[in-house]
Amino acid sequence: MRIHIATDHAGMELSAYLVSELTKLGHELIDHGPKVYDALDDYPGFCIAAAEAVVADQAAGIQALGIVLGGSGNGEQIAANKVTGVRAALIWNADTAALARDHNDANVCALGARQHSQAEVLELVKIFIAQDFSHDERHVRRIGKIATYENTGEIIY
C-alpha cells in the first residue's frame, strides 16, 4: 500500500517513526513534510499536499491512503478534508480507526502526536490500513450524499 504522510513540527518525530515502521511492514511511504523542524511552521500546506496525492493515486488506480499528524490531529483533519475526494477521520482508539474505514471509507486518518505514544499510534494506523470498507448499502448511500454536496453543493436528506 502506498501511504502519504504529512505533519507539522508537533508530529515530526512520530512521522519519522511511522515512516520507518510502516516501511518495515512493506508499505511505500511518501513523506510530504516538513523536512526540517520549524516550531512556527503551519500544517495546512503539508496536509493538503498529502491529501491531494492520495486522491491522485486513487484516481490512477493505485491503492493509497494518507496519514496527517499534528499536536491534536484536529486541524490536520480539517485541512485534509478541504481536498475534494478526501474523507479524513480523526482516530483516537481502535474502534474509531476501524469504523473510519468500515463505515466511512476514509482515505486519510488524522492523529494527535501529543495525544498518544508512538506505539499506540502505530497500532491505530495498522488497524486503519488493514480495515476494508464494508460496501454496506447504507454506508455507500451516505458517502454518496457527501460526495454530491462536495461536487454540486446540493444537500440530499
N, C-alpha and C. Protein backbone atom coordinates (compact mmCIF):
# COMPACT_ATOMS: atom_id res chain seq x y z
N MET A 1 0.85 -1.18 0.00
CA MET A 1 0.00 0.00 0.00
C MET A 1 0.89 1.23 0.00
N ARG A 2 0.53 2.21 -0.82
CA ARG A 2 1.23 3.49 -0.80
C ARG A 2 0.56 4.35 0.26
N ILE A 3 1.36 4.95 1.10
CA ILE A 3 0.84 5.79 2.18
C ILE A 3 1.53 7.14 2.12
N HIS A 4 0.71 8.18 2.01
CA HIS A 4 1.20 9.56 2.02
C HIS A 4 1.08 10.06 3.45
N ILE A 5 2.14 10.69 3.94
CA ILE A 5 2.17 11.16 5.32
C ILE A 5 2.62 12.61 5.36
N ALA A 6 2.02 13.36 6.27
CA ALA A 6 2.38 14.77 6.45
C ALA A 6 2.16 15.15 7.91
N THR A 7 2.81 16.20 8.32
CA THR A 7 2.71 16.63 9.71
C THR A 7 3.05 18.11 9.80
N ASP A 8 3.22 18.56 11.00
CA ASP A 8 3.85 19.85 11.28
C ASP A 8 4.93 19.55 12.31
N HIS A 9 5.47 20.59 12.92
CA HIS A 9 6.56 20.40 13.87
C HIS A 9 6.18 19.46 15.02
N ALA A 10 4.92 19.48 15.43
CA ALA A 10 4.49 18.68 16.58
C ALA A 10 4.54 17.18 16.32
N GLY A 11 4.46 16.79 15.06
CA GLY A 11 4.43 15.37 14.74
C GLY A 11 5.65 14.84 14.02
N MET A 12 6.71 15.64 13.93
CA MET A 12 7.86 15.21 13.13
C MET A 12 8.50 13.92 13.63
N GLU A 13 8.68 13.80 14.93
CA GLU A 13 9.29 12.59 15.49
C GLU A 13 8.38 11.39 15.25
N LEU A 14 7.10 11.56 15.46
CA LEU A 14 6.14 10.49 15.22
C LEU A 14 6.10 10.12 13.74
N SER A 15 6.12 11.10 12.87
CA SER A 15 6.11 10.85 11.43
C SER A 15 7.31 10.01 11.02
N ALA A 16 8.49 10.36 11.49
CA ALA A 16 9.70 9.60 11.16
C ALA A 16 9.57 8.16 11.66
N TYR A 17 9.02 7.99 12.85
CA TYR A 17 8.82 6.65 13.42
C TYR A 17 7.86 5.84 12.54
N LEU A 18 6.75 6.46 12.14
CA LEU A 18 5.77 5.75 11.31
C LEU A 18 6.36 5.41 9.95
N VAL A 19 7.09 6.31 9.35
CA VAL A 19 7.72 6.03 8.06
C VAL A 19 8.61 4.79 8.20
N SER A 20 9.41 4.74 9.24
CA SER A 20 10.30 3.61 9.45
C SER A 20 9.53 2.32 9.69
N GLU A 21 8.58 2.34 10.60
CA GLU A 21 7.86 1.13 10.97
C GLU A 21 6.96 0.61 9.86
N LEU A 22 6.27 1.51 9.19
CA LEU A 22 5.37 1.07 8.11
C LEU A 22 6.14 0.59 6.89
N THR A 23 7.31 1.17 6.65
CA THR A 23 8.17 0.69 5.57
C THR A 23 8.62 -0.74 5.87
N LYS A 24 8.97 -1.02 7.12
CA LYS A 24 9.36 -2.38 7.53
C LYS A 24 8.23 -3.38 7.27
N LEU A 25 6.98 -2.90 7.33
CA LEU A 25 5.83 -3.77 7.11
C LEU A 25 5.51 -3.93 5.62
N GLY A 26 6.31 -3.30 4.76
CA GLY A 26 6.15 -3.47 3.32
C GLY A 26 5.38 -2.37 2.62
N HIS A 27 5.02 -1.32 3.32
CA HIS A 27 4.29 -0.21 2.70
C HIS A 27 5.27 0.78 2.06
N GLU A 28 4.80 1.47 1.05
CA GLU A 28 5.58 2.52 0.38
C GLU A 28 5.15 3.86 0.98
N LEU A 29 6.04 4.51 1.70
CA LEU A 29 5.72 5.77 2.37
C LEU A 29 6.25 6.93 1.56
N ILE A 30 5.39 7.93 1.38
CA ILE A 30 5.80 9.17 0.72
C ILE A 30 5.58 10.29 1.73
N ASP A 31 6.66 10.92 2.11
CA ASP A 31 6.65 11.95 3.15
C ASP A 31 6.49 13.33 2.51
N HIS A 32 5.41 13.99 2.86
CA HIS A 32 5.12 15.32 2.31
C HIS A 32 5.59 16.45 3.22
N GLY A 33 6.34 16.10 4.22
CA GLY A 33 6.99 17.12 5.03
C GLY A 33 6.31 17.40 6.35
N PRO A 34 6.96 18.32 7.02
CA PRO A 34 8.11 19.12 6.63
C PRO A 34 9.41 18.32 6.71
N LYS A 35 10.41 18.84 6.07
CA LYS A 35 11.72 18.16 6.04
C LYS A 35 12.63 18.63 7.18
N VAL A 36 12.40 19.86 7.65
CA VAL A 36 13.24 20.47 8.68
C VAL A 36 12.34 20.98 9.80
N TYR A 37 12.75 20.78 11.05
CA TYR A 37 11.97 21.25 12.19
C TYR A 37 11.91 22.77 12.21
N ASP A 38 10.70 23.29 12.34
CA ASP A 38 10.46 24.72 12.50
C ASP A 38 9.26 24.85 13.42
N ALA A 39 9.49 25.30 14.63
CA ALA A 39 8.42 25.38 15.65
C ALA A 39 7.29 26.31 15.23
N LEU A 40 7.51 27.11 14.20
CA LEU A 40 6.48 28.05 13.75
C LEU A 40 5.86 27.65 12.41
N ASP A 41 6.13 26.42 11.97
CA ASP A 41 5.57 26.01 10.67
C ASP A 41 4.05 25.86 10.76
N ASP A 42 3.42 25.76 9.62
CA ASP A 42 1.96 25.65 9.53
C ASP A 42 1.62 24.35 8.80
N TYR A 43 0.72 23.59 9.38
CA TYR A 43 0.37 22.26 8.85
C TYR A 43 -0.45 22.26 7.57
N PRO A 44 -1.27 23.27 7.25
CA PRO A 44 -2.19 23.11 6.11
C PRO A 44 -1.53 22.70 4.80
N GLY A 45 -0.46 23.33 4.42
CA GLY A 45 0.16 23.01 3.14
C GLY A 45 0.65 21.58 3.06
N PHE A 46 1.28 21.10 4.11
CA PHE A 46 1.79 19.73 4.14
C PHE A 46 0.64 18.73 4.05
N CYS A 47 -0.40 18.97 4.85
CA CYS A 47 -1.53 18.03 4.90
C CYS A 47 -2.34 18.05 3.61
N ILE A 48 -2.52 19.21 3.04
CA ILE A 48 -3.25 19.30 1.77
C ILE A 48 -2.48 18.60 0.67
N ALA A 49 -1.16 18.76 0.65
CA ALA A 49 -0.34 18.08 -0.37
C ALA A 49 -0.47 16.56 -0.25
N ALA A 50 -0.43 16.04 0.97
CA ALA A 50 -0.58 14.59 1.16
C ALA A 50 -1.97 14.14 0.73
N ALA A 51 -2.99 14.91 1.09
CA ALA A 51 -4.37 14.54 0.73
C ALA A 51 -4.56 14.56 -0.78
N GLU A 52 -4.02 15.57 -1.45
CA GLU A 52 -4.10 15.62 -2.91
C GLU A 52 -3.43 14.41 -3.55
N ALA A 53 -2.31 13.99 -2.99
CA ALA A 53 -1.59 12.84 -3.53
C ALA A 53 -2.39 11.55 -3.35
N VAL A 54 -3.10 11.42 -2.24
CA VAL A 54 -3.95 10.25 -2.03
C VAL A 54 -5.03 10.19 -3.11
N VAL A 55 -5.71 11.31 -3.32
CA VAL A 55 -6.78 11.37 -4.32
C VAL A 55 -6.23 11.08 -5.72
N ALA A 56 -5.09 11.66 -6.05
CA ALA A 56 -4.49 11.43 -7.37
C ALA A 56 -4.12 9.96 -7.56
N ASP A 57 -3.53 9.36 -6.54
CA ASP A 57 -3.18 7.94 -6.65
C ASP A 57 -4.43 7.09 -6.80
N GLN A 58 -5.43 7.34 -6.00
CA GLN A 58 -6.65 6.54 -6.08
C GLN A 58 -7.30 6.70 -7.45
N ALA A 59 -7.29 7.90 -8.00
CA ALA A 59 -7.86 8.13 -9.33
C ALA A 59 -7.09 7.37 -10.40
N ALA A 60 -5.80 7.15 -10.16
CA ALA A 60 -4.95 6.42 -11.10
C ALA A 60 -4.99 4.91 -10.87
N GLY A 61 -5.83 4.47 -9.92
CA GLY A 61 -5.95 3.05 -9.64
C GLY A 61 -4.89 2.49 -8.71
N ILE A 62 -4.18 3.38 -8.04
CA ILE A 62 -3.14 2.96 -7.09
C ILE A 62 -3.76 2.90 -5.70
N GLN A 63 -3.55 1.79 -5.00
CA GLN A 63 -4.03 1.67 -3.63
C GLN A 63 -3.23 2.64 -2.78
N ALA A 64 -3.92 3.63 -2.20
CA ALA A 64 -3.22 4.63 -1.41
C ALA A 64 -4.11 5.12 -0.27
N LEU A 65 -3.47 5.44 0.83
CA LEU A 65 -4.12 6.07 1.97
C LEU A 65 -3.21 7.19 2.46
N GLY A 66 -3.73 7.99 3.38
CA GLY A 66 -2.94 9.08 3.93
C GLY A 66 -2.99 9.12 5.44
N ILE A 67 -1.94 9.70 6.01
CA ILE A 67 -1.85 9.94 7.45
C ILE A 67 -1.43 11.39 7.62
N VAL A 68 -2.20 12.14 8.42
CA VAL A 68 -1.81 13.50 8.76
C VAL A 68 -1.71 13.60 10.28
N LEU A 69 -0.65 14.24 10.72
CA LEU A 69 -0.32 14.31 12.14
C LEU A 69 -0.13 15.75 12.58
N GLY A 70 -0.45 16.00 13.82
CA GLY A 70 -0.18 17.29 14.44
C GLY A 70 -0.24 17.09 15.93
N GLY A 71 -0.35 18.19 16.67
CA GLY A 71 -0.45 18.06 18.12
C GLY A 71 -1.71 17.33 18.53
N SER A 72 -2.84 17.71 17.96
CA SER A 72 -4.12 17.06 18.27
C SER A 72 -4.66 16.24 17.11
N GLY A 73 -4.28 16.59 15.89
CA GLY A 73 -4.83 15.97 14.70
C GLY A 73 -6.06 16.68 14.17
N ASN A 74 -6.64 17.56 14.95
CA ASN A 74 -7.87 18.23 14.53
C ASN A 74 -7.68 19.14 13.33
N GLY A 75 -6.76 20.06 13.42
CA GLY A 75 -6.54 20.99 12.30
C GLY A 75 -6.08 20.27 11.06
N GLU A 76 -5.27 19.25 11.25
CA GLU A 76 -4.76 18.47 10.13
C GLU A 76 -5.90 17.74 9.41
N GLN A 77 -6.84 17.22 10.18
CA GLN A 77 -8.01 16.58 9.60
C GLN A 77 -8.84 17.59 8.82
N ILE A 78 -9.03 18.76 9.39
CA ILE A 78 -9.81 19.80 8.71
C ILE A 78 -9.14 20.19 7.40
N ALA A 79 -7.83 20.40 7.43
CA ALA A 79 -7.11 20.77 6.20
C ALA A 79 -7.24 19.69 5.14
N ALA A 80 -7.02 18.44 5.51
CA ALA A 80 -7.10 17.34 4.54
C ALA A 80 -8.50 17.26 3.94
N ASN A 81 -9.52 17.49 4.75
CA ASN A 81 -10.90 17.38 4.27
C ASN A 81 -11.29 18.49 3.31
N LYS A 82 -10.47 19.49 3.13
CA LYS A 82 -10.75 20.54 2.14
C LYS A 82 -10.45 20.06 0.72
N VAL A 83 -9.75 18.94 0.59
CA VAL A 83 -9.40 18.40 -0.72
C VAL A 83 -10.57 17.55 -1.22
N THR A 84 -11.07 17.88 -2.39
CA THR A 84 -12.18 17.13 -2.97
C THR A 84 -11.79 15.66 -3.11
N GLY A 85 -12.66 14.80 -2.60
CA GLY A 85 -12.43 13.36 -2.67
C GLY A 85 -11.79 12.77 -1.43
N VAL A 86 -11.41 13.62 -0.50
CA VAL A 86 -10.82 13.12 0.74
C VAL A 86 -11.90 12.96 1.79
N ARG A 87 -11.80 11.85 2.51
CA ARG A 87 -12.61 11.61 3.69
C ARG A 87 -11.62 11.32 4.82
N ALA A 88 -11.23 12.38 5.52
CA ALA A 88 -10.25 12.26 6.59
C ALA A 88 -10.98 12.11 7.92
N ALA A 89 -10.53 11.15 8.72
CA ALA A 89 -11.15 10.87 10.00
C ALA A 89 -10.12 10.99 11.11
N LEU A 90 -10.50 11.67 12.18
CA LEU A 90 -9.68 11.74 13.38
C LEU A 90 -9.85 10.41 14.11
N ILE A 91 -8.76 9.70 14.31
CA ILE A 91 -8.86 8.43 15.02
C ILE A 91 -8.13 8.54 16.35
N TRP A 92 -8.73 7.96 17.38
CA TRP A 92 -8.13 8.05 18.71
C TRP A 92 -8.20 6.74 19.48
N ASN A 93 -8.88 5.74 18.94
CA ASN A 93 -8.88 4.41 19.55
C ASN A 93 -9.12 3.38 18.45
N ALA A 94 -9.08 2.11 18.84
CA ALA A 94 -9.20 1.04 17.84
C ALA A 94 -10.54 1.09 17.12
N ASP A 95 -11.61 1.40 17.84
CA ASP A 95 -12.93 1.45 17.20
C ASP A 95 -13.01 2.55 16.16
N THR A 96 -12.53 3.75 16.49
CA THR A 96 -12.62 4.84 15.51
C THR A 96 -11.71 4.58 14.32
N ALA A 97 -10.60 3.89 14.55
CA ALA A 97 -9.71 3.55 13.44
C ALA A 97 -10.38 2.58 12.48
N ALA A 98 -11.03 1.56 13.02
CA ALA A 98 -11.69 0.56 12.17
C ALA A 98 -12.95 1.13 11.51
N LEU A 99 -13.76 1.85 12.28
CA LEU A 99 -15.02 2.37 11.74
C LEU A 99 -14.80 3.44 10.68
N ALA A 100 -13.72 4.19 10.78
CA ALA A 100 -13.42 5.20 9.77
C ALA A 100 -13.34 4.56 8.39
N ARG A 101 -12.76 3.38 8.32
CA ARG A 101 -12.65 2.67 7.04
C ARG A 101 -13.92 1.88 6.75
N ASP A 102 -14.40 1.12 7.74
CA ASP A 102 -15.53 0.21 7.55
C ASP A 102 -16.81 0.94 7.17
N HIS A 103 -17.12 2.03 7.84
CA HIS A 103 -18.37 2.76 7.60
C HIS A 103 -18.22 3.95 6.68
N ASN A 104 -17.07 4.63 6.74
CA ASN A 104 -16.91 5.90 6.04
C ASN A 104 -15.97 5.84 4.85
N ASP A 105 -15.35 4.71 4.62
CA ASP A 105 -14.36 4.56 3.56
C ASP A 105 -13.35 5.71 3.60
N ALA A 106 -12.94 6.07 4.83
CA ALA A 106 -11.97 7.15 4.99
C ALA A 106 -10.69 6.77 4.25
N ASN A 107 -10.10 7.75 3.59
CA ASN A 107 -8.85 7.50 2.88
C ASN A 107 -7.67 8.24 3.49
N VAL A 108 -7.94 9.01 4.54
CA VAL A 108 -6.90 9.68 5.30
C VAL A 108 -7.26 9.57 6.77
N CYS A 109 -6.28 9.28 7.61
CA CYS A 109 -6.51 9.31 9.05
C CYS A 109 -5.68 10.43 9.65
N ALA A 110 -6.23 11.03 10.69
CA ALA A 110 -5.56 12.11 11.40
C ALA A 110 -5.36 11.67 12.85
N LEU A 111 -4.18 11.97 13.37
CA LEU A 111 -3.86 11.61 14.74
C LEU A 111 -3.09 12.72 15.42
N GLY A 112 -3.24 12.79 16.74
CA GLY A 112 -2.52 13.77 17.53
C GLY A 112 -1.27 13.19 18.15
N ALA A 113 -0.13 13.74 17.78
CA ALA A 113 1.15 13.27 18.30
C ALA A 113 1.28 13.53 19.80
N ARG A 114 0.55 14.51 20.30
CA ARG A 114 0.61 14.83 21.73
C ARG A 114 -0.46 14.10 22.52
N GLN A 115 -1.20 13.23 21.85
CA GLN A 115 -2.31 12.53 22.49
C GLN A 115 -2.02 11.06 22.76
N HIS A 116 -1.04 10.49 22.06
CA HIS A 116 -0.77 9.05 22.13
C HIS A 116 0.73 8.79 22.09
N SER A 117 1.11 7.63 22.57
CA SER A 117 2.51 7.19 22.42
C SER A 117 2.74 6.76 20.98
N GLN A 118 3.99 6.64 20.59
CA GLN A 118 4.30 6.18 19.25
C GLN A 118 3.74 4.78 19.01
N ALA A 119 3.87 3.91 19.99
CA ALA A 119 3.38 2.54 19.85
C ALA A 119 1.86 2.52 19.67
N GLU A 120 1.16 3.36 20.42
CA GLU A 120 -0.30 3.44 20.28
C GLU A 120 -0.68 3.90 18.88
N VAL A 121 -0.01 4.93 18.40
CA VAL A 121 -0.32 5.45 17.06
C VAL A 121 -0.05 4.39 16.00
N LEU A 122 1.04 3.69 16.12
CA LEU A 122 1.35 2.64 15.14
C LEU A 122 0.23 1.60 15.12
N GLU A 123 -0.24 1.18 16.27
CA GLU A 123 -1.33 0.19 16.32
C GLU A 123 -2.61 0.74 15.69
N LEU A 124 -2.94 2.00 15.97
CA LEU A 124 -4.14 2.61 15.39
C LEU A 124 -4.03 2.69 13.87
N VAL A 125 -2.87 3.08 13.38
CA VAL A 125 -2.65 3.18 11.94
C VAL A 125 -2.72 1.80 11.29
N LYS A 126 -2.16 0.80 11.93
CA LYS A 126 -2.23 -0.56 11.39
C LYS A 126 -3.68 -1.03 11.28
N ILE A 127 -4.50 -0.71 12.26
CA ILE A 127 -5.92 -1.06 12.20
C ILE A 127 -6.59 -0.33 11.04
N PHE A 128 -6.32 0.96 10.92
CA PHE A 128 -6.89 1.77 9.85
C PHE A 128 -6.53 1.20 8.48
N ILE A 129 -5.26 0.87 8.28
CA ILE A 129 -4.79 0.36 6.99
C ILE A 129 -5.41 -1.00 6.68
N ALA A 130 -5.51 -1.85 7.69
CA ALA A 130 -5.97 -3.22 7.47
C ALA A 130 -7.47 -3.33 7.23
N GLN A 131 -8.23 -2.38 7.74
CA GLN A 131 -9.69 -2.46 7.65
C GLN A 131 -10.17 -2.09 6.24
N ASP A 132 -11.01 -2.90 5.68
CA ASP A 132 -11.61 -2.61 4.39
C ASP A 132 -12.95 -1.90 4.57
N PHE A 133 -13.39 -1.22 3.55
CA PHE A 133 -14.72 -0.62 3.52
C PHE A 133 -15.75 -1.73 3.39
N SER A 134 -16.84 -1.64 4.14
CA SER A 134 -17.85 -2.70 4.17
C SER A 134 -18.66 -2.79 2.88
N HIS A 135 -18.80 -1.69 2.16
CA HIS A 135 -19.65 -1.60 0.98
C HIS A 135 -21.13 -1.84 1.31
N ASP A 136 -21.47 -1.75 2.59
CA ASP A 136 -22.87 -1.85 3.01
C ASP A 136 -23.65 -0.73 2.32
N GLU A 137 -24.81 -1.03 1.81
CA GLU A 137 -25.61 -0.07 1.03
C GLU A 137 -25.82 1.23 1.78
N ARG A 138 -26.09 1.18 3.06
CA ARG A 138 -26.36 2.42 3.81
C ARG A 138 -25.12 3.31 3.88
N HIS A 139 -23.95 2.69 3.97
CA HIS A 139 -22.72 3.48 4.02
C HIS A 139 -22.38 4.04 2.65
N VAL A 140 -22.58 3.26 1.61
CA VAL A 140 -22.38 3.74 0.24
C VAL A 140 -23.30 4.92 -0.03
N ARG A 141 -24.55 4.80 0.40
CA ARG A 141 -25.54 5.87 0.19
C ARG A 141 -25.11 7.15 0.90
N ARG A 142 -24.67 7.02 2.13
CA ARG A 142 -24.28 8.20 2.91
C ARG A 142 -23.04 8.88 2.33
N ILE A 143 -22.08 8.09 1.93
CA ILE A 143 -20.87 8.66 1.31
C ILE A 143 -21.25 9.34 -0.01
N GLY A 144 -22.19 8.76 -0.73
CA GLY A 144 -22.67 9.37 -1.98
C GLY A 144 -23.30 10.72 -1.74
N LYS A 145 -24.05 10.86 -0.66
CA LYS A 145 -24.67 12.15 -0.33
C LYS A 145 -23.61 13.20 -0.01
N ILE A 146 -22.58 12.79 0.68
CA ILE A 146 -21.48 13.71 0.98
C ILE A 146 -20.79 14.13 -0.32
N ALA A 147 -20.52 13.17 -1.19
CA ALA A 147 -19.86 13.47 -2.47
C ALA A 147 -20.72 14.39 -3.33
N THR A 148 -22.03 14.16 -3.32
CA THR A 148 -22.92 15.04 -4.09
C THR A 148 -22.81 16.47 -3.60
N TYR A 149 -22.84 16.66 -2.29
CA TYR A 149 -22.71 18.02 -1.75
C TYR A 149 -21.34 18.60 -2.11
N GLU A 150 -20.30 17.80 -1.95
CA GLU A 150 -18.94 18.25 -2.23
C GLU A 150 -18.80 18.72 -3.68
N ASN A 151 -19.43 18.00 -4.59
CA ASN A 151 -19.28 18.29 -6.02
C ASN A 151 -20.31 19.27 -6.59
N THR A 152 -21.49 19.36 -5.97
CA THR A 152 -22.54 20.20 -6.56
C THR A 152 -23.10 21.25 -5.60
N GLY A 153 -22.90 21.05 -4.31
CA GLY A 153 -23.48 21.95 -3.32
C GLY A 153 -24.91 21.57 -2.97
N GLU A 154 -25.43 20.50 -3.58
CA GLU A 154 -26.79 20.06 -3.30
C GLU A 154 -26.82 19.21 -2.03
N ILE A 155 -27.73 19.56 -1.13
CA ILE A 155 -27.91 18.78 0.09
C ILE A 155 -29.01 17.74 -0.16
N ILE A 156 -28.69 16.49 0.10
CA ILE A 156 -29.66 15.40 -0.04
C ILE A 156 -29.91 14.84 1.35
N TYR A 157 -31.16 14.80 1.74
CA TYR A 157 -31.50 14.30 3.08
C TYR A 157 -31.81 12.83 3.05
